Amino acid sequence: MEDDIMTLTNRERRENMAFLYQDWVSRGSIRSYSSLPQYSDGFDCDSLFMEMAYQIFASQKGVAESVILQDWERMKPTLEKLLDNTFSIEAYALDPPVFRNVSSAKIIDLIRLQATRETWERLSPAPTDADIVVDVLHASTGGALKARAFQVVHNMRLDGRWTDEVLDRYSYMPTTNVRLRAGRMGLVDLPTNETRFADLKSWSRALCAIANLSGVPVHCGVDPILKSRTIRCERCDASYMACCPVPHCRYRRSNSNAHLSGTYTDL
């Protein structure tokens, strides 16, 4: 447990999030945060398959979204073959629709996704137990969906396919940078370096709570607001700290008090 002096009050958290949200809006960033290209209306299980498949496909670190979307468009005919059971791994190996090895290798995860259909299709047309929905998404993909399992929930809620508001607590994607920034600033008081899936669920619930506290619209999320910040809390240093416009920061507060006492603490 952090010292009380490092813990922000709910008022301070609310003011921080309000500042971040207004800054995000002022830079024209506000939009329905769904990067998935629209697929055909009228699907249930197939739309969930496509959503899960895209998030698996997009989980390529350090790759521009535009590149991923180009490969995704080329991969769509293969996904249709997976859905109607006409896919041939031999034909795919001889003539893959995508040329980048990282994208092409995602076929293994996509085959696994189709093979576990009896598990994840129970989430369609809507989950019956909100507390296990991301567990099902994570397990049925063999762990290929981790933080992005929460983005699946977000997009299914955003598209109106899942209507239960209880699901919102698991619709915030707790990526590494989001955890580092929210933790260091003091928006969330949870360990930032724990990556077990149960810890990610706790983070999503905490991000949902701070969004509700601050009045940030559900469709915006917290993760895109934090990820789009020009300020990088995880890279903060003394000079940067001195001009940081964030109203309250437990990292800054801790080091200010450490400076007064003659000691320096890196959170």
C-alpha atoms as a PDB file:
ATOM      1  CA  MET A   1       0.000   0.000   0.000  1.00  0.00           C
ATOM      2  CA  GLU A   2       1.342   3.399  -0.959  1.00  0.00           C
ATOM      3  CA  ASP A   3       1.780   6.069   1.692  1.00  0.00           C
ATOM      4  CA  ASP A   4      -1.240   8.303   2.153  1.00  0.00           C
ATOM      5  CA  ILE A   5       0.726  11.281   0.850  1.00  0.00           C
ATOM      6  CA  MET A   6       1.056   9.485  -2.506  1.00  0.00           C
ATOM      7  CA  THR A   7      -2.654   8.748  -2.757  1.00  0.00           C
ATOM      8  CA  LEU A   8      -4.931  11.251  -4.454  1.00  0.00           C
ATOM      9  CA  THR A   9      -8.416  11.989  -3.200  1.00  0.00           C
ATOM     10  CA  ASN A  10     -11.419  11.283  -5.416  1.00  0.00           C
ATOM     11  CA  ARG A  11     -11.765  15.022  -5.992  1.00  0.00           C
ATOM     12  CA  GLU A  12      -8.193  15.201  -7.241  1.00  0.00           C
ATOM     13  CA  ARG A  13      -8.676  12.166  -9.461  1.00  0.00           C
ATOM     14  CA  ARG A  14     -11.833  13.727 -10.876  1.00  0.00           C
ATOM     15  CA  GLU A  15     -10.018  16.994 -11.599  1.00  0.00           C
ATOM     16  CA  ASN A  16      -7.156  15.134 -13.261  1.00  0.00           C
ATOM     17  CA  MET A  17      -9.474  13.147 -15.502  1.00  0.00           C
ATOM     18  CA  ALA A  18     -11.536  16.235 -16.343  1.00  0.00           C
ATOM     19  CA  PHE A  19      -8.341  18.023 -17.406  1.00  0.00           C
ATOM     20  CA  LEU A  20      -7.190  15.086 -19.547  1.00  0.00           C
ATOM     21  CA  TYR A  21     -10.610  14.710 -21.154  1.00  0.00           C
ATOM     22  CA  GLN A  22     -10.937  18.414 -21.989  1.00  0.00           C
ATOM     23  CA  ASP A  23      -7.438  18.436 -23.441  1.00  0.00           C
ATOM     24  CA  TRP A  24      -8.334  15.379 -25.542  1.00  0.00           C
ATOM     25  CA  VAL A  25     -11.513  17.074 -26.800  1.00  0.00           C
ATOM     26  CA  SER A  26      -9.724  20.363 -27.532  1.00  0.00           C
ATOM     27  CA  ARG A  27      -7.291  18.566 -29.831  1.00  0.00           C
ATOM     28  CA  GLY A  28     -10.177  17.162 -31.874  1.00  0.00           C
ATOM     29  CA  SER A  29      -9.631  13.627 -30.672  1.00  0.00           C
ATOM     30  CA  ILE A  30     -13.169  12.892 -29.544  1.00  0.00           C
ATOM     31  CA  ARG A  31     -14.837  10.185 -31.597  1.00  0.00           C
ATOM     32  CA  SER A  32     -16.420   6.806 -31.197  1.00  0.00           C
ATOM     33  CA  TYR A  33     -13.266   4.915 -30.418  1.00  0.00           C
ATOM     34  CA  SER A  34     -13.678   1.824 -32.600  1.00  0.00           C
ATOM     35  CA  SER A  35     -10.950   1.031 -35.103  1.00  0.00           C
ATOM     36  CA  LEU A  36     -12.731  -2.005 -36.530  1.00  0.00           C
ATOM     37  CA  PRO A  37     -13.994  -1.503 -40.082  1.00  0.00           C
ATOM     38  CA  GLN A  38     -17.740  -2.039 -40.274  1.00  0.00           C
ATOM     39  CA  TYR A  39     -18.810  -5.529 -41.180  1.00  0.00           C
ATOM     40  CA  SER A  40     -22.196  -6.654 -42.457  1.00  0.00           C
ATOM     41  CA  ASP A  41     -25.239  -6.015 -40.312  1.00  0.00           C
ATOM     42  CA  GLY A  42     -27.433  -8.851 -39.133  1.00  0.00           C
ATOM     43  CA  PHE A  43     -24.712 -11.151 -37.778  1.00  0.00           C
ATOM     44  CA  ASP A  44     -24.524 -12.472 -34.266  1.00  0.00           C
ATOM     45  CA  CYS A  45     -21.814 -15.087 -33.797  1.00  0.00           C
ATOM     46  CA  ASP A  46     -20.117 -14.074 -37.025  1.00  0.00           C
ATOM     47  CA  SER A  47     -19.856 -10.434 -35.957  1.00  0.00           C
ATOM     48  CA  LEU A  48     -18.312 -11.525 -32.658  1.00  0.00           C
ATOM     49  CA  PHE A  49     -15.881 -13.730 -34.583  1.00  0.00           C
ATOM     50  CA  MET A  50     -14.897 -10.791 -36.791  1.00  0.00           C
ATOM     51  CA  GLU A  51     -14.452  -8.495 -33.783  1.00  0.00           C
ATOM     52  CA  MET A  52     -12.291 -11.025 -31.962  1.00  0.00           C
ATOM     53  CA  ALA A  53     -10.343 -11.786 -35.140  1.00  0.00           C
ATOM     54  CA  TYR A  54      -9.600  -8.114 -35.747  1.00  0.00           C
ATOM     55  CA  GLN A  55      -8.359  -7.555 -32.193  1.00  0.00           C
ATOM     56  CA  ILE A  56      -6.119 -10.621 -32.506  1.00  0.00           C
ATOM     57  CA  PHE A  57      -4.871  -9.313 -35.826  1.00  0.00           C
ATOM     58  CA  ALA A  58      -4.299  -5.803 -34.447  1.00  0.00           C
ATOM     59  CA  SER A  59      -2.211  -7.020 -31.496  1.00  0.00           C
ATOM     60  CA  GLN A  60       1.017  -6.370 -33.382  1.00  0.00           C
ATOM     61  CA  LYS A  61       3.320  -4.196 -31.328  1.00  0.00           C
ATOM     62  CA  GLY A  62       4.962  -1.261 -33.035  1.00  0.00           C
ATOM     63  CA  VAL A  63       2.966  -1.602 -36.275  1.00  0.00           C
ATOM     64  CA  ALA A  64       1.040   1.379 -37.649  1.00  0.00           C
ATOM     65  CA  GLU A  65      -2.734   1.003 -37.699  1.00  0.00           C
ATOM     66  CA  SER A  66      -2.818   1.840 -41.406  1.00  0.00           C
ATOM     67  CA  VAL A  67      -0.558  -1.136 -42.144  1.00  0.00           C
ATOM     68  CA  ILE A  68      -2.664  -3.453 -40.005  1.00  0.00           C
ATOM     69  CA  LEU A  69      -5.846  -2.302 -41.754  1.00  0.00           C
ATOM     70  CA  GLN A  70      -4.340  -2.994 -45.175  1.00  0.00           C
ATOM     71  CA  ASP A  71      -3.404  -6.526 -44.149  1.00  0.00           C
ATOM     72  CA  TRP A  72      -6.810  -6.968 -42.521  1.00  0.00           C
ATOM     73  CA  GLU A  73      -8.581  -6.162 -45.794  1.00  0.00           C
ATOM     74  CA  ARG A  74      -6.453  -8.755 -47.591  1.00  0.00           C
ATOM     75  CA  MET A  75      -7.190 -11.318 -44.875  1.00  0.00           C
ATOM     76  CA  LYS A  76     -10.998 -11.002 -45.020  1.00  0.00           C
ATOM     77  CA  PRO A  77     -11.538 -13.685 -47.726  1.00  0.00           C
ATOM     78  CA  THR A  78      -9.564 -16.105 -45.548  1.00  0.00           C
ATOM     79  CA  LEU A  79     -11.801 -15.286 -42.577  1.00  0.00           C
ATOM     80  CA  GLU A  80     -14.861 -16.044 -44.697  1.00  0.00           C
ATOM     81  CA  LYS A  81     -13.374 -19.431 -45.548  1.00  0.00           C
ATOM     82  CA  LEU A  82     -12.777 -20.095 -41.854  1.00  0.00           C
ATOM     83  CA  LEU A  83     -16.402 -19.227 -41.114  1.00  0.00           C
ATOM     84  CA  ASP A  84     -17.833 -21.567 -43.761  1.00  0.00           C
ATOM     85  CA  ASN A  85     -15.285 -24.356 -43.106  1.00  0.00           C
ATOM     86  CA  THR A  86     -13.661 -24.213 -46.546  1.00  0.00           C
ATOM     87  CA  PHE A  87     -10.278 -22.996 -45.320  1.00  0.00           C
ATOM     88  CA  SER A  88      -7.168 -24.969 -46.362  1.00  0.00           C
ATOM     89  CA  ILE A  89      -3.937 -24.404 -44.456  1.00  0.00           C
ATOM     90  CA  GLU A  90      -1.992 -25.923 -47.372  1.00  0.00           C
ATOM     91  CA  ALA A  91      -3.442 -23.421 -49.848  1.00  0.00           C
ATOM     92  CA  TYR A  92      -2.808 -20.616 -47.372  1.00  0.00           C
ATOM     93  CA  ALA A  93       0.823 -21.646 -46.942  1.00  0.00           C
ATOM     94  CA  LEU A  94       1.386 -21.711 -50.708  1.00  0.00           C
ATOM     95  CA  ASP A  95      -0.329 -18.387 -51.390  1.00  0.00           C
ATOM     96  CA  PRO A  96      -0.851 -16.277 -48.242  1.00  0.00           C
ATOM     97  CA  PRO A  97      -3.018 -13.197 -48.810  1.00  0.00           C
ATOM     98  CA  VAL A  98      -0.684 -11.013 -46.749  1.00  0.00           C
ATOM     99  CA  PHE A  99       3.046 -10.572 -47.204  1.00  0.00           C
ATOM    100  CA  ARG A 100       4.183  -9.421 -43.781  1.00  0.00           C
ATOM    101  CA  ASN A 101       5.239 -12.444 -41.749  1.00  0.00           C
ATOM    102  CA  VAL A 102       3.797 -11.103 -38.481  1.00  0.00           C
ATOM    103  CA  SER A 103       0.347 -10.678 -40.039  1.00  0.00           C
ATOM    104  CA  SER A 104       0.525 -13.974 -41.915  1.00  0.00           C
ATOM    105  CA  ALA A 105       1.418 -15.869 -38.736  1.00  0.00           C
ATOM    106  CA  LYS A 106      -1.804 -14.682 -37.078  1.00  0.00           C
ATOM    107  CA  ILE A 107      -3.588 -17.459 -38.997  1.00  0.00           C
ATOM    108  CA  ILE A 108      -2.642 -19.860 -36.191  1.00  0.00           C
ATOM    109  CA  ASP A 109      -4.569 -17.801 -33.650  1.00  0.00           C
ATOM    110  CA  LEU A 110      -7.471 -17.397 -36.083  1.00  0.00           C
ATOM    111  CA  ILE A 111      -7.679 -21.162 -36.645  1.00  0.00           C
ATOM    112  CA  ARG A 112      -7.711 -21.655 -32.877  1.00  0.00           C
ATOM    113  CA  LEU A 113     -10.485 -19.074 -32.624  1.00  0.00           C
ATOM    114  CA  GLN A 114     -12.631 -20.988 -35.089  1.00  0.00           C
ATOM    115  CA  ALA A 115     -11.868 -24.282 -33.322  1.00  0.00           C
ATOM    116  CA  THR A 116     -13.173 -22.920 -30.009  1.00  0.00           C
ATOM    117  CA  ARG A 117     -16.399 -21.595 -31.507  1.00  0.00           C
ATOM    118  CA  GLU A 118     -18.597 -23.684 -29.192  1.00  0.00           C
ATOM    119  CA  THR A 119     -17.050 -21.810 -26.258  1.00  0.00           C
ATOM    120  CA  TRP A 120     -17.159 -18.187 -27.361  1.00  0.00           C
ATOM    121  CA  GLU A 121     -20.440 -18.394 -29.298  1.00  0.00           C
ATOM    122  CA  ARG A 122     -22.182 -18.693 -25.907  1.00  0.00           C
ATOM    123  CA  LEU A 123     -21.505 -14.964 -25.612  1.00  0.00           C
ATOM    124  CA  SER A 124     -23.867 -14.346 -28.520  1.00  0.00           C
ATOM    125  CA  PRO A 125     -26.290 -12.703 -28.860  1.00  0.00           C
ATOM    126  CA  ALA A 126     -25.296 -11.347 -25.416  1.00  0.00           C
ATOM    127  CA  PRO A 127     -23.301 -12.590 -22.397  1.00  0.00           C
ATOM    128  CA  THR A 128     -25.319 -13.827 -19.436  1.00  0.00           C
ATOM    129  CA  ASP A 129     -22.562 -13.293 -16.863  1.00  0.00           C
ATOM    130  CA  ALA A 130     -20.633 -10.031 -17.153  1.00  0.00           C
ATOM    131  CA  ASP A 131     -17.938 -11.158 -14.719  1.00  0.00           C
ATOM    132  CA  ILE A 132     -16.662 -13.951 -16.967  1.00  0.00           C
ATOM    133  CA  VAL A 133     -17.067 -12.469 -20.446  1.00  0.00           C
ATOM    134  CA  VAL A 134     -13.427 -11.379 -20.800  1.00  0.00           C
ATOM    135  CA  ASP A 135     -12.286 -14.669 -19.258  1.00  0.00           C
ATOM    136  CA  VAL A 136     -14.095 -16.506 -22.063  1.00  0.00           C
ATOM    137  CA  LEU A 137     -12.560 -14.232 -24.685  1.00  0.00           C
ATOM    138  CA  HIS A 138      -9.093 -14.732 -23.214  1.00  0.00           C
ATOM    139  CA  ALA A 139      -9.341 -18.494 -22.782  1.00  0.00           C
ATOM    140  CA  SER A 140     -10.981 -19.280 -26.117  1.00  0.00           C
ATOM    141  CA  THR A 141      -8.162 -17.511 -27.976  1.00  0.00           C
ATOM    142  CA  GLY A 142      -5.430 -19.296 -26.083  1.00  0.00           C
ATOM    143  CA  GLY A 143      -4.335 -16.000 -24.558  1.00  0.00           C
ATOM    144  CA  ALA A 144      -4.021 -14.223 -27.927  1.00  0.00           C
ATOM    145  CA  LEU A 145      -6.572 -11.744 -26.590  1.00  0.00           C
ATOM    146  CA  LYS A 146      -5.320 -10.259 -23.348  1.00  0.00           C
ATOM    147  CA  ALA A 147      -5.682  -6.493 -22.936  1.00  0.00           C
ATOM    148  CA  ARG A 148      -7.547  -6.483 -26.250  1.00  0.00           C
ATOM    149  CA  ALA A 149     -10.241  -8.756 -24.830  1.00  0.00           C
ATOM    150  CA  PHE A 150     -11.520  -5.617 -23.109  1.00  0.00           C
ATOM    151  CA  GLN A 151     -11.544  -3.782 -26.442  1.00  0.00           C
ATOM    152  CA  VAL A 152     -13.802  -6.515 -27.848  1.00  0.00           C
ATOM    153  CA  VAL A 153     -16.303  -5.788 -25.083  1.00  0.00           C
ATOM    154  CA  HIS A 154     -15.978  -2.040 -25.714  1.00  0.00           C
ATOM    155  CA  ASN A 155     -16.672  -2.380 -29.437  1.00  0.00           C
ATOM    156  CA  MET A 156     -19.555  -4.810 -28.987  1.00  0.00           C
ATOM    157  CA  ARG A 157     -21.108  -2.316 -26.571  1.00  0.00           C
ATOM    158  CA  LEU A 158     -20.337   0.562 -28.914  1.00  0.00           C
ATOM    159  CA  ASP A 159     -22.003  -1.197 -31.836  1.00  0.00           C
ATOM    160  CA  GLY A 160     -25.092  -1.848 -29.708  1.00  0.00           C
ATOM    161  CA  ARG A 161     -24.766  -5.616 -30.050  1.00  0.00           C
ATOM    162  CA  TRP A 162     -24.339  -6.049 -26.299  1.00  0.00           C
ATOM    163  CA  THR A 163     -26.654  -3.793 -24.314  1.00  0.00           C
ATOM    164  CA  ASP A 164     -25.999  -4.691 -20.661  1.00  0.00           C
ATOM    165  CA  GLU A 165     -24.403  -1.649 -18.986  1.00  0.00           C
ATOM    166  CA  VAL A 166     -22.748  -3.931 -16.423  1.00  0.00           C
ATOM    167  CA  LEU A 167     -20.353  -4.947 -19.200  1.00  0.00           C
ATOM    168  CA  ASP A 168     -18.872  -1.451 -19.191  1.00  0.00           C
ATOM    169  CA  ARG A 169     -16.674  -2.328 -16.238  1.00  0.00           C
ATOM    170  CA  TYR A 170     -14.784  -4.695 -18.554  1.00  0.00           C
ATOM    171  CA  SER A 171     -14.647  -2.416 -21.584  1.00  0.00           C
ATOM    172  CA  TYR A 172     -11.519  -0.424 -20.705  1.00  0.00           C
ATOM    173  CA  MET A 173      -8.308  -1.690 -22.310  1.00  0.00           C
ATOM    174  CA  PRO A 174      -5.521  -1.697 -19.657  1.00  0.00           C
ATOM    175  CA  THR A 175      -2.448  -1.637 -21.884  1.00  0.00           C
ATOM    176  CA  THR A 176       1.020  -1.272 -20.377  1.00  0.00           C
ATOM    177  CA  ASN A 177       1.244   2.462 -21.097  1.00  0.00           C
ATOM    178  CA  VAL A 178      -2.241   3.089 -19.740  1.00  0.00           C
ATOM    179  CA  ARG A 179      -1.357   1.323 -16.484  1.00  0.00           C
ATOM    180  CA  LEU A 180       1.944   3.205 -16.166  1.00  0.00           C
ATOM    181  CA  ARG A 181       0.398   6.611 -16.795  1.00  0.00           C
ATOM    182  CA  ALA A 182      -2.717   6.110 -14.677  1.00  0.00           C
ATOM    183  CA  GLY A 183      -0.685   4.560 -11.859  1.00  0.00           C
ATOM    184  CA  ARG A 184       2.108   7.115 -11.766  1.00  0.00           C
ATOM    185  CA  MET A 185      -0.293  10.059 -11.991  1.00  0.00           C
ATOM    186  CA  GLY A 186      -2.476   8.594  -9.248  1.00  0.00           C
ATOM    187  CA  LEU A 187      -5.725   7.968 -11.126  1.00  0.00           C
ATOM    188  CA  VAL A 188      -5.594   4.313 -10.075  1.00  0.00           C
ATOM    189  CA  ASP A 189      -3.960   2.794  -7.004  1.00  0.00           C
ATOM    190  CA  LEU A 190      -3.062  -0.659  -8.322  1.00  0.00           C
ATOM    191  CA  PRO A 191       0.303  -2.285  -9.109  1.00  0.00           C
ATOM    192  CA  THR A 192       1.308  -1.315 -12.646  1.00  0.00           C
ATOM    193  CA  ASN A 193       3.636  -4.252 -13.302  1.00  0.00           C
ATOM    194  CA  GLU A 194       1.225  -7.134 -12.609  1.00  0.00           C
ATOM    195  CA  THR A 195       0.112  -8.697 -15.894  1.00  0.00           C
ATOM    196  CA  ARG A 196      -1.992 -11.643 -14.765  1.00  0.00           C
ATOM    197  CA  PHE A 197      -5.376 -11.582 -16.402  1.00  0.00           C
ATOM    198  CA  ALA A 198      -7.117 -11.153 -13.037  1.00  0.00           C
ATOM    199  CA  ASP A 199      -5.019  -8.003 -12.498  1.00  0.00           C
ATOM    200  CA  LEU A 200      -6.062  -6.639 -15.894  1.00  0.00           C
ATOM    201  CA  LYS A 201      -9.701  -7.169 -14.922  1.00  0.00           C
ATOM    202  CA  SER A 202      -9.105  -5.155 -11.750  1.00  0.00           C
ATOM    203  CA  TRP A 203      -7.537  -2.407 -13.839  1.00  0.00           C
ATOM    204  CA  SER A 204     -10.473  -2.283 -16.238  1.00  0.00           C
ATOM    205  CA  ARG A 205     -12.892  -1.953 -13.327  1.00  0.00           C
ATOM    206  CA  ALA A 206     -10.734   0.821 -11.836  1.00  0.00           C
ATOM    207  CA  LEU A 207     -10.589   2.710 -15.146  1.00  0.00           C
ATOM    208  CA  CYS A 208     -14.360   2.381 -15.418  1.00  0.00           C
ATOM    209  CA  ALA A 209     -14.720   3.804 -11.922  1.00  0.00           C
ATOM    210  CA  ILE A 210     -12.553   6.843 -12.687  1.00  0.00           C
ATOM    211  CA  ALA A 211     -14.503   7.434 -15.903  1.00  0.00           C
ATOM    212  CA  ASN A 212     -17.793   7.318 -13.997  1.00  0.00           C
ATOM    213  CA  LEU A 213     -16.395   9.583 -11.279  1.00  0.00           C
ATOM    214  CA  SER A 214     -15.289  12.135 -13.875  1.00  0.00           C
ATOM    215  CA  GLY A 215     -18.290  11.936 -16.170  1.00  0.00           C
ATOM    216  CA  VAL A 216     -16.275  10.780 -19.191  1.00  0.00           C
ATOM    217  CA  PRO A 217     -18.694   9.238 -21.729  1.00  0.00           C
ATOM    218  CA  VAL A 218     -18.481   5.456 -21.856  1.00  0.00           C
ATOM    219  CA  HIS A 219     -17.971   5.395 -25.614  1.00  0.00           C
ATOM    220  CA  CYS A 220     -14.815   7.495 -25.240  1.00  0.00           C
ATOM    221  CA  GLY A 221     -13.134   5.169 -22.785  1.00  0.00           C
ATOM    222  CA  VAL A 222     -10.160   6.189 -20.651  1.00  0.00           C
ATOM    223  CA  ASP A 223      -7.440   4.313 -22.490  1.00  0.00           C
ATOM    224  CA  PRO A 224      -7.505   6.410 -25.709  1.00  0.00           C
ATOM    225  CA  ILE A 225      -7.470   9.607 -23.644  1.00  0.00           C
ATOM    226  CA  LEU A 226      -4.397   8.487 -21.724  1.00  0.00           C
ATOM    227  CA  LYS A 227      -2.673   6.978 -24.757  1.00  0.00           C
ATOM    228  CA  SER A 228      -3.162  10.121 -26.809  1.00  0.00           C
ATOM    229  CA  ARG A 229      -1.619  12.440 -24.226  1.00  0.00           C
ATOM    230  CA  THR A 230       1.365  14.447 -25.400  1.00  0.00           C
ATOM    231  CA  ILE A 231       2.576  14.118 -21.822  1.00  0.00           C
ATOM    232  CA  ARG A 232       4.266  10.780 -21.155  1.00  0.00           C
ATOM    233  CA  CYS A 233       4.020  10.171 -17.417  1.00  0.00           C
ATOM    234  CA  GLU A 234       6.194   7.056 -17.557  1.00  0.00           C
ATOM    235  CA  ARG A 235       9.088   9.172 -18.906  1.00  0.00           C
ATOM    236  CA  CYS A 236       8.742  12.010 -16.438  1.00  0.00           C
ATOM    237  CA  ASP A 237      11.863  13.648 -15.044  1.00  0.00           C
ATOM    238  CA  ALA A 238      12.590  16.681 -12.851  1.00  0.00           C
ATOM    239  CA  SER A 239      12.496  19.286 -15.636  1.00  0.00           C
ATOM    240  CA  TYR A 240       9.371  17.833 -17.160  1.00  0.00           C
ATOM    241  CA  MET A 241       7.706  17.614 -13.782  1.00  0.00           C
ATOM    242  CA  ALA A 242       8.254  21.329 -13.211  1.00  0.00           C
ATOM    243  CA  CYS A 243       6.121  22.316 -16.213  1.00  0.00           C
ATOM    244  CA  CYS A 244       3.573  19.499 -16.184  1.00  0.00           C
ATOM    245  CA  PRO A 245       0.030  20.930 -16.525  1.00  0.00           C
ATOM    246  CA  VAL A 246      -1.732  17.942 -14.898  1.00  0.00           C
ATOM    247  CA  PRO A 247      -3.446  19.391 -11.787  1.00  0.00           C
ATOM    248  CA  HIS A 248      -2.488  16.626  -9.369  1.00  0.00           C
ATOM    249  CA  CYS A 249       0.165  13.939  -9.638  1.00  0.00           C
ATOM    250  CA  ARG A 250       1.200  11.566  -6.900  1.00  0.00           C
ATOM    251  CA  TYR A 251       4.621  11.104  -8.527  1.00  0.00           C
ATOM    252  CA  ARG A 252       5.205  14.855  -8.431  1.00  0.00           C
ATOM    253  CA  ARG A 253       3.787  15.113  -4.921  1.00  0.00           C
ATOM    254  CA  SER A 254       5.936  12.264  -3.647  1.00  0.00           C
ATOM    255  CA  ASN A 255       9.123  13.713  -5.058  1.00  0.00           C
ATOM    256  CA  SER A 256       8.281  17.222  -3.866  1.00  0.00           C
ATOM    257  CA  ASN A 257       7.936  15.900  -0.334  1.00  0.00           C
ATOM    258  CA  ALA A 258      11.039  13.765  -0.790  1.00  0.00           C
ATOM    259  CA  HIS A 259      12.938  16.872  -1.883  1.00  0.00           C
ATOM    260  CA  LEU A 260      11.847  18.703   1.265  1.00  0.00           C
ATOM    261  CA  SER A 261      12.956  15.808   3.426  1.00  0.00           C
ATOM    262  CA  GLY A 262      16.241  15.337   1.545  1.00  0.00           C
ATOM    263  CA  THR A 263      15.374  11.998   0.012  1.00  0.00           C
ATOM    264  CA  TYR A 264      14.260  11.064  -3.485  1.00  0.00           C
ATOM    265  CA  THR A 265      11.820   8.266  -4.213  1.00  0.00           C
ATOM    266  CA  ASP A 266      11.092   6.831  -7.666  1.00  0.00           C
ATOM    267  CA  LEU A 267       7.615   5.307  -7.671  1.00  0.00           C
END
